[in-house]
Amino acid sequence: MKVKVNQDACISCGACEALCPEVFILNDEGLSEVKEEKKDTNLEGELKEQAQDAIDSCPTSAISEVKEEQ
């Protein structure tokens, strides 16, 4: 699973960073983003579960899974 953040929808609540700090960080503007080293990483195992928890917990649905083109 790969994830992305729609910063236009982000309200800087920090839930994603609290649930999955290995993947998400609040930038200098206070908006969530995927850490640079995780942007093109296929998340697996516990990290995938934590990222899914962040997706499910985002109050504005700003985080989503990147669907692979087929």
N, C-alpha and C. Protein backbone atom coordinates (compact mmCIF):
# COMPACT_ATOMS: atom_id res chain seq x y z
N MET A 1 0.84 -1.18 0.00
CA MET A 1 0.00 0.00 0.00
C MET A 1 0.88 1.24 0.00
N LYS A 2 0.56 2.18 -0.87
CA LYS A 2 1.19 3.50 -0.87
C LYS A 2 0.12 4.50 -0.48
N VAL A 3 0.53 5.57 0.20
CA VAL A 3 -0.43 6.56 0.68
C VAL A 3 -0.05 7.96 0.23
N LYS A 4 -1.06 8.84 0.22
CA LYS A 4 -0.83 10.25 -0.11
C LYS A 4 -1.72 11.10 0.78
N VAL A 5 -1.37 12.38 0.89
CA VAL A 5 -2.12 13.33 1.70
C VAL A 5 -2.58 14.47 0.81
N ASN A 6 -3.87 14.76 0.86
CA ASN A 6 -4.42 15.94 0.18
C ASN A 6 -4.30 17.10 1.17
N GLN A 7 -3.28 17.92 1.00
CA GLN A 7 -3.03 19.00 1.95
C GLN A 7 -4.11 20.07 1.93
N ASP A 8 -4.88 20.15 0.85
CA ASP A 8 -5.99 21.11 0.81
C ASP A 8 -7.09 20.71 1.79
N ALA A 9 -7.18 19.42 2.11
CA ALA A 9 -8.21 18.93 3.04
C ALA A 9 -7.69 18.79 4.47
N CYS A 10 -6.37 18.82 4.64
CA CYS A 10 -5.76 18.62 5.96
C CYS A 10 -6.09 19.78 6.90
N ILE A 11 -6.45 19.44 8.15
CA ILE A 11 -6.74 20.48 9.16
C ILE A 11 -5.69 20.47 10.28
N SER A 12 -4.59 19.77 10.06
CA SER A 12 -3.45 19.77 10.99
C SER A 12 -3.78 19.19 12.36
N CYS A 13 -4.66 18.19 12.41
CA CYS A 13 -5.02 17.63 13.71
C CYS A 13 -3.91 16.76 14.29
N GLY A 14 -3.06 16.19 13.44
CA GLY A 14 -1.93 15.40 13.91
C GLY A 14 -2.23 13.95 14.22
N ALA A 15 -3.45 13.50 13.96
CA ALA A 15 -3.80 12.11 14.26
C ALA A 15 -2.94 11.14 13.46
N CYS A 16 -2.69 11.45 12.21
CA CYS A 16 -1.90 10.55 11.37
C CYS A 16 -0.48 10.39 11.91
N GLU A 17 0.12 11.49 12.31
CA GLU A 17 1.48 11.44 12.85
C GLU A 17 1.52 10.69 14.17
N ALA A 18 0.48 10.85 14.97
CA ALA A 18 0.41 10.15 16.25
C ALA A 18 0.24 8.64 16.05
N LEU A 19 -0.55 8.26 15.05
CA LEU A 19 -0.82 6.85 14.79
C LEU A 19 0.27 6.16 13.99
N CYS A 20 0.94 6.91 13.13
CA CYS A 20 1.93 6.30 12.22
C CYS A 20 3.09 7.27 11.97
N PRO A 21 3.89 7.52 13.01
CA PRO A 21 4.98 8.51 12.88
C PRO A 21 6.09 8.10 11.92
N GLU A 22 6.16 6.82 11.58
CA GLU A 22 7.18 6.37 10.63
C GLU A 22 6.86 6.83 9.21
N VAL A 23 5.58 7.15 8.95
CA VAL A 23 5.15 7.51 7.59
C VAL A 23 4.76 8.97 7.48
N PHE A 24 4.07 9.51 8.49
CA PHE A 24 3.51 10.87 8.40
C PHE A 24 4.25 11.85 9.29
N ILE A 25 4.32 13.10 8.82
CA ILE A 25 4.94 14.18 9.58
C ILE A 25 4.16 15.46 9.28
N LEU A 26 4.11 16.35 10.25
CA LEU A 26 3.52 17.67 10.01
C LEU A 26 4.64 18.58 9.53
N ASN A 27 4.44 19.21 8.38
CA ASN A 27 5.48 20.05 7.79
C ASN A 27 5.53 21.42 8.47
N ASP A 28 6.34 22.31 7.93
CA ASP A 28 6.53 23.64 8.52
C ASP A 28 5.24 24.47 8.55
N GLU A 29 4.31 24.16 7.65
CA GLU A 29 3.02 24.86 7.64
C GLU A 29 2.01 24.18 8.56
N GLY A 30 2.42 23.07 9.19
CA GLY A 30 1.53 22.35 10.08
C GLY A 30 0.64 21.35 9.39
N LEU A 31 0.86 21.13 8.09
CA LEU A 31 0.05 20.19 7.33
C LEU A 31 0.74 18.83 7.26
N SER A 32 -0.07 17.81 7.22
CA SER A 32 0.46 16.46 7.14
C SER A 32 1.04 16.19 5.76
N GLU A 33 2.10 15.39 5.75
CA GLU A 33 2.64 14.89 4.50
C GLU A 33 3.31 13.55 4.75
N VAL A 34 3.48 12.79 3.68
CA VAL A 34 4.18 11.52 3.78
C VAL A 34 5.67 11.84 3.81
N LYS A 35 6.38 11.22 4.74
CA LYS A 35 7.82 11.46 4.83
C LYS A 35 8.49 11.11 3.50
N GLU A 36 9.47 11.88 3.13
CA GLU A 36 10.16 11.74 1.84
C GLU A 36 10.61 10.30 1.59
N GLU A 37 11.17 9.67 2.61
CA GLU A 37 11.70 8.31 2.43
C GLU A 37 10.61 7.25 2.31
N LYS A 38 9.36 7.63 2.55
CA LYS A 38 8.24 6.68 2.46
C LYS A 38 7.31 6.96 1.27
N LYS A 39 7.58 8.03 0.51
CA LYS A 39 6.66 8.44 -0.56
C LYS A 39 6.44 7.36 -1.61
N ASP A 40 7.46 6.66 -2.00
CA ASP A 40 7.32 5.63 -3.03
C ASP A 40 7.49 4.23 -2.47
N THR A 41 7.29 4.10 -1.17
CA THR A 41 7.46 2.81 -0.51
C THR A 41 6.14 2.07 -0.44
N ASN A 42 6.19 0.79 -0.73
CA ASN A 42 5.02 -0.06 -0.58
C ASN A 42 4.97 -0.51 0.88
N LEU A 43 4.06 0.04 1.64
CA LEU A 43 3.96 -0.25 3.07
C LEU A 43 3.40 -1.65 3.28
N GLU A 44 4.00 -2.38 4.19
CA GLU A 44 3.57 -3.75 4.47
C GLU A 44 3.53 -3.99 5.96
N GLY A 45 2.87 -5.07 6.35
CA GLY A 45 2.85 -5.51 7.74
C GLY A 45 2.27 -4.50 8.69
N GLU A 46 2.96 -4.34 9.82
CA GLU A 46 2.48 -3.43 10.87
C GLU A 46 2.41 -1.99 10.39
N LEU A 47 3.36 -1.58 9.56
CA LEU A 47 3.35 -0.22 9.03
C LEU A 47 2.12 0.02 8.15
N LYS A 48 1.73 -0.98 7.38
CA LYS A 48 0.52 -0.88 6.55
C LYS A 48 -0.71 -0.75 7.45
N GLU A 49 -0.75 -1.52 8.52
CA GLU A 49 -1.88 -1.46 9.46
C GLU A 49 -1.96 -0.08 10.11
N GLN A 50 -0.81 0.47 10.52
CA GLN A 50 -0.79 1.79 11.14
C GLN A 50 -1.22 2.87 10.15
N ALA A 51 -0.77 2.74 8.89
CA ALA A 51 -1.17 3.71 7.87
C ALA A 51 -2.68 3.62 7.61
N GLN A 52 -3.22 2.41 7.61
CA GLN A 52 -4.66 2.25 7.42
C GLN A 52 -5.42 2.87 8.58
N ASP A 53 -4.89 2.72 9.80
CA ASP A 53 -5.51 3.36 10.96
C ASP A 53 -5.52 4.88 10.79
N ALA A 54 -4.43 5.42 10.25
CA ALA A 54 -4.36 6.87 10.01
C ALA A 54 -5.39 7.29 8.97
N ILE A 55 -5.53 6.51 7.90
CA ILE A 55 -6.54 6.80 6.88
C ILE A 55 -7.93 6.80 7.51
N ASP A 56 -8.21 5.77 8.29
CA ASP A 56 -9.53 5.62 8.91
C ASP A 56 -9.81 6.70 9.95
N SER A 57 -8.77 7.23 10.58
CA SER A 57 -8.93 8.20 11.66
C SER A 57 -8.91 9.65 11.20
N CYS A 58 -8.52 9.90 9.98
CA CYS A 58 -8.43 11.28 9.50
C CYS A 58 -9.83 11.90 9.44
N PRO A 59 -10.06 12.98 10.20
CA PRO A 59 -11.41 13.56 10.26
C PRO A 59 -11.88 14.19 8.96
N THR A 60 -10.96 14.50 8.05
CA THR A 60 -11.36 15.13 6.79
C THR A 60 -11.11 14.23 5.58
N SER A 61 -10.72 12.99 5.84
CA SER A 61 -10.41 12.03 4.76
C SER A 61 -9.34 12.57 3.81
N ALA A 62 -8.37 13.28 4.39
CA ALA A 62 -7.29 13.86 3.59
C ALA A 62 -6.24 12.83 3.18
N ILE A 63 -6.23 11.68 3.84
CA ILE A 63 -5.25 10.64 3.53
C ILE A 63 -5.94 9.54 2.75
N SER A 64 -5.27 9.08 1.71
CA SER A 64 -5.84 8.00 0.91
C SER A 64 -4.76 7.07 0.41
N GLU A 65 -5.20 5.90 0.02
CA GLU A 65 -4.30 4.93 -0.57
C GLU A 65 -4.10 5.29 -2.04
N VAL A 66 -2.88 5.17 -2.50
CA VAL A 66 -2.59 5.40 -3.91
C VAL A 66 -2.91 4.12 -4.65
N LYS A 67 -3.85 4.20 -5.56
CA LYS A 67 -4.22 3.03 -6.36
C LYS A 67 -3.24 2.89 -7.52
N GLU A 68 -2.70 1.70 -7.68
CA GLU A 68 -1.77 1.43 -8.76
C GLU A 68 -2.53 1.33 -10.08
N GLU A 69 -1.99 1.95 -11.11
CA GLU A 69 -2.60 1.84 -12.43
C GLU A 69 -2.28 0.49 -13.03
N GLN A 70 -3.26 -0.08 -13.71
CA GLN A 70 -3.05 -1.41 -14.30
C GLN A 70 -3.10 -1.35 -15.79
